Amino acid sequence: RSTLPLIIGSAAISVLLLGRPLWRAFGP
């Protein structure tokens, strides 16, 4: 339970950091 927020937070940050450049490159 104590590491679950850390995992979710890390995943969210990764999506935000990587998602925008990937969306610009490949998304509509």
mmCIF file of all heavy atoms, coordinates in Angstrom:
data_MODEL
# 
_entry.id   MODEL 
# 
loop_
_atom_site.group_PDB 
_atom_site.id 
_atom_site.type_symbol 
_atom_site.label_atom_id 
_atom_site.label_alt_id 
_atom_site.label_comp_id 
_atom_site.label_asym_id 
_atom_site.label_entity_id 
_atom_site.label_seq_id 
_atom_site.pdbx_PDB_ins_code 
_atom_site.Cartn_x 
_atom_site.Cartn_y 
_atom_site.Cartn_z 
_atom_site.occupancy 
_atom_site.B_iso_or_equiv 
_atom_site.pdbx_formal_charge 
_atom_site.auth_seq_id 
_atom_site.auth_comp_id 
_atom_site.auth_asym_id 
_atom_site.auth_atom_id 
_atom_site.pdbx_PDB_model_num 
ATOM 1   N N   . ARG A 1 1  ? 0.826  -1.205 0.000   1.00 0.00 ? 1  ARG A N   1 
ATOM 2   C CA  . ARG A 1 1  ? 0.000  0.000  0.000   1.00 0.00 ? 1  ARG A CA  1 
ATOM 3   C C   . ARG A 1 1  ? 0.862  1.257  0.000   1.00 0.00 ? 1  ARG A C   1 
ATOM 4   O O   . ARG A 1 1  ? 0.528  2.235  -0.629  1.00 0.00 ? 1  ARG A O   1 
ATOM 5   C CB  . ARG A 1 1  ? -0.905 0.020  1.238   1.00 0.00 ? 1  ARG A CB  1 
ATOM 6   C CG  . ARG A 1 1  ? -2.134 -0.779 1.048   1.00 0.00 ? 1  ARG A CG  1 
ATOM 7   C CD  . ARG A 1 1  ? -3.108 -0.501 2.162   1.00 0.00 ? 1  ARG A CD  1 
ATOM 8   N NE  . ARG A 1 1  ? -3.736 -1.750 2.494   1.00 0.00 ? 1  ARG A NE  1 
ATOM 9   C CZ  . ARG A 1 1  ? -4.047 -2.154 3.685   1.00 0.00 ? 1  ARG A CZ  1 
ATOM 10  N NH1 . ARG A 1 1  ? -3.799 -1.404 4.728   1.00 0.00 ? 1  ARG A NH1 1 
ATOM 11  N NH2 . ARG A 1 1  ? -4.618 -3.312 3.878   1.00 0.00 ? 1  ARG A NH2 1 
ATOM 12  N N   . SER A 1 2  ? 1.956  1.251  0.662   1.00 0.00 ? 2  SER A N   1 
ATOM 13  C CA  . SER A 1 2  ? 2.784  2.452  0.728   1.00 0.00 ? 2  SER A CA  1 
ATOM 14  C C   . SER A 1 2  ? 3.554  2.691  -0.571  1.00 0.00 ? 2  SER A C   1 
ATOM 15  O O   . SER A 1 2  ? 3.892  3.816  -0.879  1.00 0.00 ? 2  SER A O   1 
ATOM 16  C CB  . SER A 1 2  ? 3.745  2.381  1.919   1.00 0.00 ? 2  SER A CB  1 
ATOM 17  O OG  . SER A 1 2  ? 4.658  1.317  1.740   1.00 0.00 ? 2  SER A OG  1 
ATOM 18  N N   . THR A 1 3  ? 3.845  1.660  -1.351  1.00 0.00 ? 3  THR A N   1 
ATOM 19  C CA  . THR A 1 3  ? 4.565  1.856  -2.607  1.00 0.00 ? 3  THR A CA  1 
ATOM 20  C C   . THR A 1 3  ? 3.624  2.066  -3.796  1.00 0.00 ? 3  THR A C   1 
ATOM 21  O O   . THR A 1 3  ? 4.050  2.570  -4.823  1.00 0.00 ? 3  THR A O   1 
ATOM 22  C CB  . THR A 1 3  ? 5.485  0.656  -2.916  1.00 0.00 ? 3  THR A CB  1 
ATOM 23  O OG1 . THR A 1 3  ? 4.703  -0.527 -2.974  1.00 0.00 ? 3  THR A OG1 1 
ATOM 24  C CG2 . THR A 1 3  ? 6.579  0.535  -1.883  1.00 0.00 ? 3  THR A CG2 1 
ATOM 25  N N   . LEU A 1 4  ? 2.343  1.715  -3.640  1.00 0.00 ? 4  LEU A N   1 
ATOM 26  C CA  . LEU A 1 4  ? 1.398  1.875  -4.734  1.00 0.00 ? 4  LEU A CA  1 
ATOM 27  C C   . LEU A 1 4  ? 1.274  3.334  -5.179  1.00 0.00 ? 4  LEU A C   1 
ATOM 28  O O   . LEU A 1 4  ? 1.340  3.609  -6.384  1.00 0.00 ? 4  LEU A O   1 
ATOM 29  C CB  . LEU A 1 4  ? 0.033  1.294  -4.347  1.00 0.00 ? 4  LEU A CB  1 
ATOM 30  C CG  . LEU A 1 4  ? -0.987 1.215  -5.465  1.00 0.00 ? 4  LEU A CG  1 
ATOM 31  C CD1 . LEU A 1 4  ? -0.463 0.361  -6.615  1.00 0.00 ? 4  LEU A CD1 1 
ATOM 32  C CD2 . LEU A 1 4  ? -2.296 0.655  -4.939  1.00 0.00 ? 4  LEU A CD2 1 
ATOM 33  N N   . PRO A 1 5  ? 1.124  4.317  -4.288  1.00 0.00 ? 5  PRO A N   1 
ATOM 34  C CA  . PRO A 1 5  ? 1.087  5.710  -4.746  1.00 0.00 ? 5  PRO A CA  1 
ATOM 35  C C   . PRO A 1 5  ? 2.360  6.124  -5.474  1.00 0.00 ? 5  PRO A C   1 
ATOM 36  O O   . PRO A 1 5  ? 2.316  6.884  -6.435  1.00 0.00 ? 5  PRO A O   1 
ATOM 37  C CB  . PRO A 1 5  ? 0.896  6.514  -3.456  1.00 0.00 ? 5  PRO A CB  1 
ATOM 38  C CG  . PRO A 1 5  ? 0.288  5.558  -2.489  1.00 0.00 ? 5  PRO A CG  1 
ATOM 39  C CD  . PRO A 1 5  ? 0.851  4.215  -2.853  1.00 0.00 ? 5  PRO A CD  1 
ATOM 40  N N   . LEU A 1 6  ? 3.510  5.611  -5.029  1.00 0.00 ? 6  LEU A N   1 
ATOM 41  C CA  . LEU A 1 6  ? 4.783  5.928  -5.675  1.00 0.00 ? 6  LEU A CA  1 
ATOM 42  C C   . LEU A 1 6  ? 4.807  5.374  -7.099  1.00 0.00 ? 6  LEU A C   1 
ATOM 43  O O   . LEU A 1 6  ? 5.229  6.054  -8.032  1.00 0.00 ? 6  LEU A O   1 
ATOM 44  C CB  . LEU A 1 6  ? 5.947  5.364  -4.857  1.00 0.00 ? 6  LEU A CB  1 
ATOM 45  C CG  . LEU A 1 6  ? 7.338  5.612  -5.411  1.00 0.00 ? 6  LEU A CG  1 
ATOM 46  C CD1 . LEU A 1 6  ? 7.628  7.109  -5.455  1.00 0.00 ? 6  LEU A CD1 1 
ATOM 47  C CD2 . LEU A 1 6  ? 8.380  4.891  -4.580  1.00 0.00 ? 6  LEU A CD2 1 
ATOM 48  N N   . ILE A 1 7  ? 4.305  4.161  -7.274  1.00 0.00 ? 7  ILE A N   1 
ATOM 49  C CA  . ILE A 1 7  ? 4.267  3.543  -8.604  1.00 0.00 ? 7  ILE A CA  1 
ATOM 50  C C   . ILE A 1 7  ? 3.311  4.314  -9.510  1.00 0.00 ? 7  ILE A C   1 
ATOM 51  O O   . ILE A 1 7  ? 3.645  4.636  -10.656 1.00 0.00 ? 7  ILE A O   1 
ATOM 52  C CB  . ILE A 1 7  ? 3.857  2.055  -8.498  1.00 0.00 ? 7  ILE A CB  1 
ATOM 53  C CG1 . ILE A 1 7  ? 4.969  1.259  -7.797  1.00 0.00 ? 7  ILE A CG1 1 
ATOM 54  C CG2 . ILE A 1 7  ? 3.561  1.468  -9.874  1.00 0.00 ? 7  ILE A CG2 1 
ATOM 55  C CD1 . ILE A 1 7  ? 4.569  -0.147 -7.415  1.00 0.00 ? 7  ILE A CD1 1 
ATOM 56  N N   . ILE A 1 8  ? 2.131  4.652  -9.012  1.00 0.00 ? 8  ILE A N   1 
ATOM 57  C CA  . ILE A 1 8  ? 1.144  5.392  -9.800  1.00 0.00 ? 8  ILE A CA  1 
ATOM 58  C C   . ILE A 1 8  ? 1.676  6.778  -10.159 1.00 0.00 ? 8  ILE A C   1 
ATOM 59  O O   . ILE A 1 8  ? 1.566  7.232  -11.294 1.00 0.00 ? 8  ILE A O   1 
ATOM 60  C CB  . ILE A 1 8  ? -0.202 5.485  -9.053  1.00 0.00 ? 8  ILE A CB  1 
ATOM 61  C CG1 . ILE A 1 8  ? -0.832 4.095  -8.969  1.00 0.00 ? 8  ILE A CG1 1 
ATOM 62  C CG2 . ILE A 1 8  ? -1.153 6.459  -9.749  1.00 0.00 ? 8  ILE A CG2 1 
ATOM 63  C CD1 . ILE A 1 8  ? -2.064 4.022  -8.092  1.00 0.00 ? 8  ILE A CD1 1 
ATOM 64  N N   . GLY A 1 9  ? 2.289  7.440  -9.189  1.00 0.00 ? 9  GLY A N   1 
ATOM 65  C CA  . GLY A 1 9  ? 2.859  8.764  -9.437  1.00 0.00 ? 9  GLY A CA  1 
ATOM 66  C C   . GLY A 1 9  ? 3.967  8.715  -10.477 1.00 0.00 ? 9  GLY A C   1 
ATOM 67  O O   . GLY A 1 9  ? 4.050  9.561  -11.369 1.00 0.00 ? 9  GLY A O   1 
ATOM 68  N N   . SER A 1 10 ? 4.837  7.716  -10.386 1.00 0.00 ? 10 SER A N   1 
ATOM 69  C CA  . SER A 1 10 ? 5.928  7.559  -11.351 1.00 0.00 ? 10 SER A CA  1 
ATOM 70  C C   . SER A 1 10 ? 5.384  7.293  -12.750 1.00 0.00 ? 10 SER A C   1 
ATOM 71  O O   . SER A 1 10 ? 5.878  7.841  -13.735 1.00 0.00 ? 10 SER A O   1 
ATOM 72  C CB  . SER A 1 10 ? 6.853  6.414  -10.932 1.00 0.00 ? 10 SER A CB  1 
ATOM 73  O OG  . SER A 1 10 ? 7.453  6.692  -9.699  1.00 0.00 ? 10 SER A OG  1 
ATOM 74  N N   . ALA A 1 11 ? 4.370  6.461  -12.834 1.00 0.00 ? 11 ALA A N   1 
ATOM 75  C CA  . ALA A 1 11 ? 3.761  6.165  -14.136 1.00 0.00 ? 11 ALA A CA  1 
ATOM 76  C C   . ALA A 1 11 ? 3.129  7.425  -14.725 1.00 0.00 ? 11 ALA A C   1 
ATOM 77  O O   . ALA A 1 11 ? 3.275  7.705  -15.916 1.00 0.00 ? 11 ALA A O   1 
ATOM 78  C CB  . ALA A 1 11 ? 2.719  5.055  -13.993 1.00 0.00 ? 11 ALA A CB  1 
ATOM 79  N N   . ALA A 1 12 ? 2.447  8.204  -13.901 1.00 0.00 ? 12 ALA A N   1 
ATOM 80  C CA  . ALA A 1 12 ? 1.811  9.440  -14.383 1.00 0.00 ? 12 ALA A CA  1 
ATOM 81  C C   . ALA A 1 12 ? 2.850  10.430 -14.888 1.00 0.00 ? 12 ALA A C   1 
ATOM 82  O O   . ALA A 1 12 ? 2.682  11.045 -15.941 1.00 0.00 ? 12 ALA A O   1 
ATOM 83  C CB  . ALA A 1 12 ? 0.969  10.062 -13.270 1.00 0.00 ? 12 ALA A CB  1 
ATOM 84  N N   . ILE A 1 13 ? 3.937  10.585 -14.158 1.00 0.00 ? 13 ILE A N   1 
ATOM 85  C CA  . ILE A 1 13 ? 5.009  11.498 -14.584 1.00 0.00 ? 13 ILE A CA  1 
ATOM 86  C C   . ILE A 1 13 ? 5.629  11.009 -15.889 1.00 0.00 ? 13 ILE A C   1 
ATOM 87  O O   . ILE A 1 13 ? 5.888  11.798 -16.797 1.00 0.00 ? 13 ILE A O   1 
ATOM 88  C CB  . ILE A 1 13 ? 6.070  11.652 -13.472 1.00 0.00 ? 13 ILE A CB  1 
ATOM 89  C CG1 . ILE A 1 13 ? 5.463  12.450 -12.313 1.00 0.00 ? 13 ILE A CG1 1 
ATOM 90  C CG2 . ILE A 1 13 ? 7.327  12.332 -13.996 1.00 0.00 ? 13 ILE A CG2 1 
ATOM 91  C CD1 . ILE A 1 13 ? 6.312  12.485 -11.065 1.00 0.00 ? 13 ILE A CD1 1 
ATOM 92  N N   . SER A 1 14 ? 5.842  9.709  -16.020 1.00 0.00 ? 14 SER A N   1 
ATOM 93  C CA  . SER A 1 14 ? 6.402  9.155  -17.250 1.00 0.00 ? 14 SER A CA  1 
ATOM 94  C C   . SER A 1 14 ? 5.496  9.419  -18.438 1.00 0.00 ? 14 SER A C   1 
ATOM 95  O O   . SER A 1 14 ? 5.951  9.799  -19.522 1.00 0.00 ? 14 SER A O   1 
ATOM 96  C CB  . SER A 1 14 ? 6.619  7.643  -17.109 1.00 0.00 ? 14 SER A CB  1 
ATOM 97  O OG  . SER A 1 14 ? 7.559  7.377  -16.101 1.00 0.00 ? 14 SER A OG  1 
ATOM 98  N N   . VAL A 1 15 ? 4.196  9.236  -18.238 1.00 0.00 ? 15 VAL A N   1 
ATOM 99  C CA  . VAL A 1 15 ? 3.236  9.486  -19.323 1.00 0.00 ? 15 VAL A CA  1 
ATOM 100 C C   . VAL A 1 15 ? 3.279  10.954 -19.717 1.00 0.00 ? 15 VAL A C   1 
ATOM 101 O O   . VAL A 1 15 ? 3.271  11.295 -20.899 1.00 0.00 ? 15 VAL A O   1 
ATOM 102 C CB  . VAL A 1 15 ? 1.815  9.046  -18.905 1.00 0.00 ? 15 VAL A CB  1 
ATOM 103 C CG1 . VAL A 1 15 ? 0.778  9.582  -19.857 1.00 0.00 ? 15 VAL A CG1 1 
ATOM 104 C CG2 . VAL A 1 15 ? 1.739  7.530  -18.832 1.00 0.00 ? 15 VAL A CG2 1 
ATOM 105 N N   . LEU A 1 16 ? 3.321  11.843 -18.722 1.00 0.00 ? 16 LEU A N   1 
ATOM 106 C CA  . LEU A 1 16 ? 3.367  13.270 -19.024 1.00 0.00 ? 16 LEU A CA  1 
ATOM 107 C C   . LEU A 1 16 ? 4.647  13.653 -19.764 1.00 0.00 ? 16 LEU A C   1 
ATOM 108 O O   . LEU A 1 16 ? 4.613  14.426 -20.712 1.00 0.00 ? 16 LEU A O   1 
ATOM 109 C CB  . LEU A 1 16 ? 3.242  14.097 -17.739 1.00 0.00 ? 16 LEU A CB  1 
ATOM 110 C CG  . LEU A 1 16 ? 1.860  14.094 -17.094 1.00 0.00 ? 16 LEU A CG  1 
ATOM 111 C CD1 . LEU A 1 16 ? 1.908  14.820 -15.758 1.00 0.00 ? 16 LEU A CD1 1 
ATOM 112 C CD2 . LEU A 1 16 ? 0.837  14.742 -18.001 1.00 0.00 ? 16 LEU A CD2 1 
ATOM 113 N N   . LEU A 1 17 ? 5.786  13.126 -19.324 1.00 0.00 ? 17 LEU A N   1 
ATOM 114 C CA  . LEU A 1 17 ? 7.062  13.484 -19.942 1.00 0.00 ? 17 LEU A CA  1 
ATOM 115 C C   . LEU A 1 17 ? 7.232  12.878 -21.329 1.00 0.00 ? 17 LEU A C   1 
ATOM 116 O O   . LEU A 1 17 ? 7.727  13.526 -22.250 1.00 0.00 ? 17 LEU A O   1 
ATOM 117 C CB  . LEU A 1 17 ? 8.228  13.065 -19.042 1.00 0.00 ? 17 LEU A CB  1 
ATOM 118 C CG  . LEU A 1 17 ? 8.372  13.832 -17.731 1.00 0.00 ? 17 LEU A CG  1 
ATOM 119 C CD1 . LEU A 1 17 ? 9.486  13.241 -16.889 1.00 0.00 ? 17 LEU A CD1 1 
ATOM 120 C CD2 . LEU A 1 17 ? 8.623  15.306 -17.990 1.00 0.00 ? 17 LEU A CD2 1 
ATOM 121 N N   . LEU A 1 18 ? 6.838  11.645 -21.483 1.00 0.00 ? 18 LEU A N   1 
ATOM 122 C CA  . LEU A 1 18 ? 7.018  10.958 -22.761 1.00 0.00 ? 18 LEU A CA  1 
ATOM 123 C C   . LEU A 1 18 ? 5.813  11.098 -23.681 1.00 0.00 ? 18 LEU A C   1 
ATOM 124 O O   . LEU A 1 18 ? 5.944  11.065 -24.896 1.00 0.00 ? 18 LEU A O   1 
ATOM 125 C CB  . LEU A 1 18 ? 7.291  9.465  -22.522 1.00 0.00 ? 18 LEU A CB  1 
ATOM 126 C CG  . LEU A 1 18 ? 8.577  9.144  -21.770 1.00 0.00 ? 18 LEU A CG  1 
ATOM 127 C CD1 . LEU A 1 18 ? 8.657  7.653  -21.486 1.00 0.00 ? 18 LEU A CD1 1 
ATOM 128 C CD2 . LEU A 1 18 ? 9.784  9.612  -22.544 1.00 0.00 ? 18 LEU A CD2 1 
ATOM 129 N N   . GLY A 1 19 ? 4.639  11.271 -23.101 1.00 0.00 ? 19 GLY A N   1 
ATOM 130 C CA  . GLY A 1 19 ? 3.411  11.294 -23.887 1.00 0.00 ? 19 GLY A CA  1 
ATOM 131 C C   . GLY A 1 19 ? 3.328  12.450 -24.856 1.00 0.00 ? 19 GLY A C   1 
ATOM 132 O O   . GLY A 1 19 ? 2.943  12.282 -26.000 1.00 0.00 ? 19 GLY A O   1 
ATOM 133 N N   . ARG A 1 20 ? 3.693  13.642 -24.411 1.00 0.00 ? 20 ARG A N   1 
ATOM 134 C CA  . ARG A 1 20 ? 3.562  14.813 -25.284 1.00 0.00 ? 20 ARG A CA  1 
ATOM 135 C C   . ARG A 1 20 ? 4.447  14.713 -26.524 1.00 0.00 ? 20 ARG A C   1 
ATOM 136 O O   . ARG A 1 20 ? 3.957  14.906 -27.639 1.00 0.00 ? 20 ARG A O   1 
ATOM 137 C CB  . ARG A 1 20 ? 3.861  16.072 -24.485 1.00 0.00 ? 20 ARG A CB  1 
ATOM 138 C CG  . ARG A 1 20 ? 3.559  17.310 -25.261 1.00 0.00 ? 20 ARG A CG  1 
ATOM 139 C CD  . ARG A 1 20 ? 3.645  18.517 -24.404 1.00 0.00 ? 20 ARG A CD  1 
ATOM 140 N NE  . ARG A 1 20 ? 3.319  19.680 -25.211 1.00 0.00 ? 20 ARG A NE  1 
ATOM 141 C CZ  . ARG A 1 20 ? 3.225  20.888 -24.749 1.00 0.00 ? 20 ARG A CZ  1 
ATOM 142 N NH1 . ARG A 1 20 ? 3.402  21.110 -23.476 1.00 0.00 ? 20 ARG A NH1 1 
ATOM 143 N NH2 . ARG A 1 20 ? 2.954  21.883 -25.538 1.00 0.00 ? 20 ARG A NH2 1 
ATOM 144 N N   . PRO A 1 21 ? 5.754  14.400 -26.376 1.00 0.00 ? 21 PRO A N   1 
ATOM 145 C CA  . PRO A 1 21 ? 6.569  14.252 -27.602 1.00 0.00 ? 21 PRO A CA  1 
ATOM 146 C C   . PRO A 1 21 ? 6.081  13.110 -28.497 1.00 0.00 ? 21 PRO A C   1 
ATOM 147 O O   . PRO A 1 21 ? 6.079  13.233 -29.717 1.00 0.00 ? 21 PRO A O   1 
ATOM 148 C CB  . PRO A 1 21 ? 7.978  13.964 -27.078 1.00 0.00 ? 21 PRO A CB  1 
ATOM 149 C CG  . PRO A 1 21 ? 7.988  14.460 -25.678 1.00 0.00 ? 21 PRO A CG  1 
ATOM 150 C CD  . PRO A 1 21 ? 6.586  14.320 -25.179 1.00 0.00 ? 21 PRO A CD  1 
ATOM 151 N N   . LEU A 1 22 ? 5.651  12.001 -27.885 1.00 0.00 ? 22 LEU A N   1 
ATOM 152 C CA  . LEU A 1 22 ? 5.141  10.889 -28.689 1.00 0.00 ? 22 LEU A CA  1 
ATOM 153 C C   . LEU A 1 22 ? 3.855  11.281 -29.401 1.00 0.00 ? 22 LEU A C   1 
ATOM 154 O O   . LEU A 1 22 ? 3.642  10.943 -30.564 1.00 0.00 ? 22 LEU A O   1 
ATOM 155 C CB  . LEU A 1 22 ? 4.910  9.656  -27.811 1.00 0.00 ? 22 LEU A CB  1 
ATOM 156 C CG  . LEU A 1 22 ? 6.175  8.951  -27.333 1.00 0.00 ? 22 LEU A CG  1 
ATOM 157 C CD1 . LEU A 1 22 ? 5.835  7.845  -26.345 1.00 0.00 ? 22 LEU A CD1 1 
ATOM 158 C CD2 . LEU A 1 22 ? 6.961  8.395  -28.508 1.00 0.00 ? 22 LEU A CD2 1 
ATOM 159 N N   . TRP A 1 23 ? 2.977  12.018 -28.703 1.00 0.00 ? 23 TRP A N   1 
ATOM 160 C CA  . TRP A 1 23 ? 1.722  12.463 -29.328 1.00 0.00 ? 23 TRP A CA  1 
ATOM 161 C C   . TRP A 1 23 ? 2.023  13.387 -30.501 1.00 0.00 ? 23 TRP A C   1 
ATOM 162 O O   . TRP A 1 23 ? 1.439  13.266 -31.564 1.00 0.00 ? 23 TRP A O   1 
ATOM 163 C CB  . TRP A 1 23 ? 0.849  13.179 -28.302 1.00 0.00 ? 23 TRP A CB  1 
ATOM 164 C CG  . TRP A 1 23 ? -0.475 13.582 -28.881 1.00 0.00 ? 23 TRP A CG  1 
ATOM 165 C CD1 . TRP A 1 23 ? -0.778 14.743 -29.527 1.00 0.00 ? 23 TRP A CD1 1 
ATOM 166 C CD2 . TRP A 1 23 ? -1.665 12.806 -28.916 1.00 0.00 ? 23 TRP A CD2 1 
ATOM 167 N NE1 . TRP A 1 23 ? -2.081 14.752 -29.940 1.00 0.00 ? 23 TRP A NE1 1 
ATOM 168 C CE2 . TRP A 1 23 ? -2.654 13.565 -29.572 1.00 0.00 ? 23 TRP A CE2 1 
ATOM 169 C CE3 . TRP A 1 23 ? -1.996 11.545 -28.446 1.00 0.00 ? 23 TRP A CE3 1 
ATOM 170 C CZ2 . TRP A 1 23 ? -3.947 13.107 -29.769 1.00 0.00 ? 23 TRP A CZ2 1 
ATOM 171 C CZ3 . TRP A 1 23 ? -3.296 11.092 -28.637 1.00 0.00 ? 23 TRP A CZ3 1 
ATOM 172 C CH2 . TRP A 1 23 ? -4.243 11.872 -29.295 1.00 0.00 ? 23 TRP A CH2 1 
ATOM 173 N N   . ARG A 1 24 ? 2.962  14.322 -30.288 1.00 0.00 ? 24 ARG A N   1 
ATOM 174 C CA  . ARG A 1 24 ? 3.316  15.243 -31.382 1.00 0.00 ? 24 ARG A CA  1 
ATOM 175 C C   . ARG A 1 24 ? 3.898  14.501 -32.570 1.00 0.00 ? 24 ARG A C   1 
ATOM 176 O O   . ARG A 1 24 ? 3.665  14.865 -33.712 1.00 0.00 ? 24 ARG A O   1 
ATOM 177 C CB  . ARG A 1 24 ? 4.290  16.302 -30.903 1.00 0.00 ? 24 ARG A CB  1 
ATOM 178 C CG  . ARG A 1 24 ? 3.615  17.360 -30.094 1.00 0.00 ? 24 ARG A CG  1 
ATOM 179 C CD  . ARG A 1 24 ? 4.556  18.471 -29.792 1.00 0.00 ? 24 ARG A CD  1 
ATOM 180 N NE  . ARG A 1 24 ? 3.834  19.490 -29.058 1.00 0.00 ? 24 ARG A NE  1 
ATOM 181 C CZ  . ARG A 1 24 ? 4.187  20.742 -29.006 1.00 0.00 ? 24 ARG A CZ  1 
ATOM 182 N NH1 . ARG A 1 24 ? 5.257  21.141 -29.630 1.00 0.00 ? 24 ARG A NH1 1 
ATOM 183 N NH2 . ARG A 1 24 ? 3.483  21.598 -28.321 1.00 0.00 ? 24 ARG A NH2 1 
ATOM 184 N N   . ALA A 1 25 ? 4.700  13.477 -32.304 1.00 0.00 ? 25 ALA A N   1 
ATOM 185 C CA  . ALA A 1 25 ? 5.355  12.741 -33.387 1.00 0.00 ? 25 ALA A CA  1 
ATOM 186 C C   . ALA A 1 25 ? 4.398  11.792 -34.113 1.00 0.00 ? 25 ALA A C   1 
ATOM 187 O O   . ALA A 1 25 ? 4.446  11.678 -35.327 1.00 0.00 ? 25 ALA A O   1 
ATOM 188 C CB  . ALA A 1 25 ? 6.548  11.963 -32.843 1.00 0.00 ? 25 ALA A CB  1 
ATOM 189 N N   . PHE A 1 26 ? 3.517  11.133 -33.363 1.00 0.00 ? 26 PHE A N   1 
ATOM 190 C CA  . PHE A 1 26 ? 2.719  10.066 -33.963 1.00 0.00 ? 26 PHE A CA  1 
ATOM 191 C C   . PHE A 1 26 ? 1.210  10.260 -33.838 1.00 0.00 ? 26 PHE A C   1 
ATOM 192 O O   . PHE A 1 26 ? 0.453  9.608  -34.528 1.00 0.00 ? 26 PHE A O   1 
ATOM 193 C CB  . PHE A 1 26 ? 3.094  8.720  -33.341 1.00 0.00 ? 26 PHE A CB  1 
ATOM 194 C CG  . PHE A 1 26 ? 4.544  8.392  -33.494 1.00 0.00 ? 26 PHE A CG  1 
ATOM 195 C CD1 . PHE A 1 26 ? 5.408  8.452  -32.409 1.00 0.00 ? 26 PHE A CD1 1 
ATOM 196 C CD2 . PHE A 1 26 ? 5.070  8.051  -34.730 1.00 0.00 ? 26 PHE A CD2 1 
ATOM 197 C CE1 . PHE A 1 26 ? 6.752  8.147  -32.550 1.00 0.00 ? 26 PHE A CE1 1 
ATOM 198 C CE2 . PHE A 1 26 ? 6.410  7.754  -34.877 1.00 0.00 ? 26 PHE A CE2 1 
ATOM 199 C CZ  . PHE A 1 26 ? 7.252  7.804  -33.788 1.00 0.00 ? 26 PHE A CZ  1 
ATOM 200 N N   . GLY A 1 27 ? 0.779  11.124 -32.947 1.00 0.00 ? 27 GLY A N   1 
ATOM 201 C CA  . GLY A 1 27 ? -0.653 11.310 -32.720 1.00 0.00 ? 27 GLY A CA  1 
ATOM 202 C C   . GLY A 1 27 ? -1.271 12.281 -33.701 1.00 0.00 ? 27 GLY A C   1 
ATOM 203 O O   . GLY A 1 27 ? -0.578 13.036 -34.380 1.00 0.00 ? 27 GLY A O   1 
ATOM 204 N N   . PRO A 1 28 ? -2.594 12.276 -33.792 1.00 0.00 ? 28 PRO A N   1 
ATOM 205 C CA  . PRO A 1 28 ? -3.269 13.215 -34.691 1.00 0.00 ? 28 PRO A CA  1 
ATOM 206 C C   . PRO A 1 28 ? -3.225 14.634 -34.133 1.00 0.00 ? 28 PRO A C   1 
ATOM 207 O O   . PRO A 1 28 ? -3.059 14.834 -32.930 1.00 0.00 ? 28 PRO A O   1 
ATOM 208 C CB  . PRO A 1 28 ? -4.708 12.690 -34.726 1.00 0.00 ? 28 PRO A CB  1 
ATOM 209 C CG  . PRO A 1 28 ? -4.869 11.989 -33.422 1.00 0.00 ? 28 PRO A CG  1 
ATOM 210 C CD  . PRO A 1 28 ? -3.520 11.417 -33.082 1.00 0.00 ? 28 PRO A CD  1 
# 
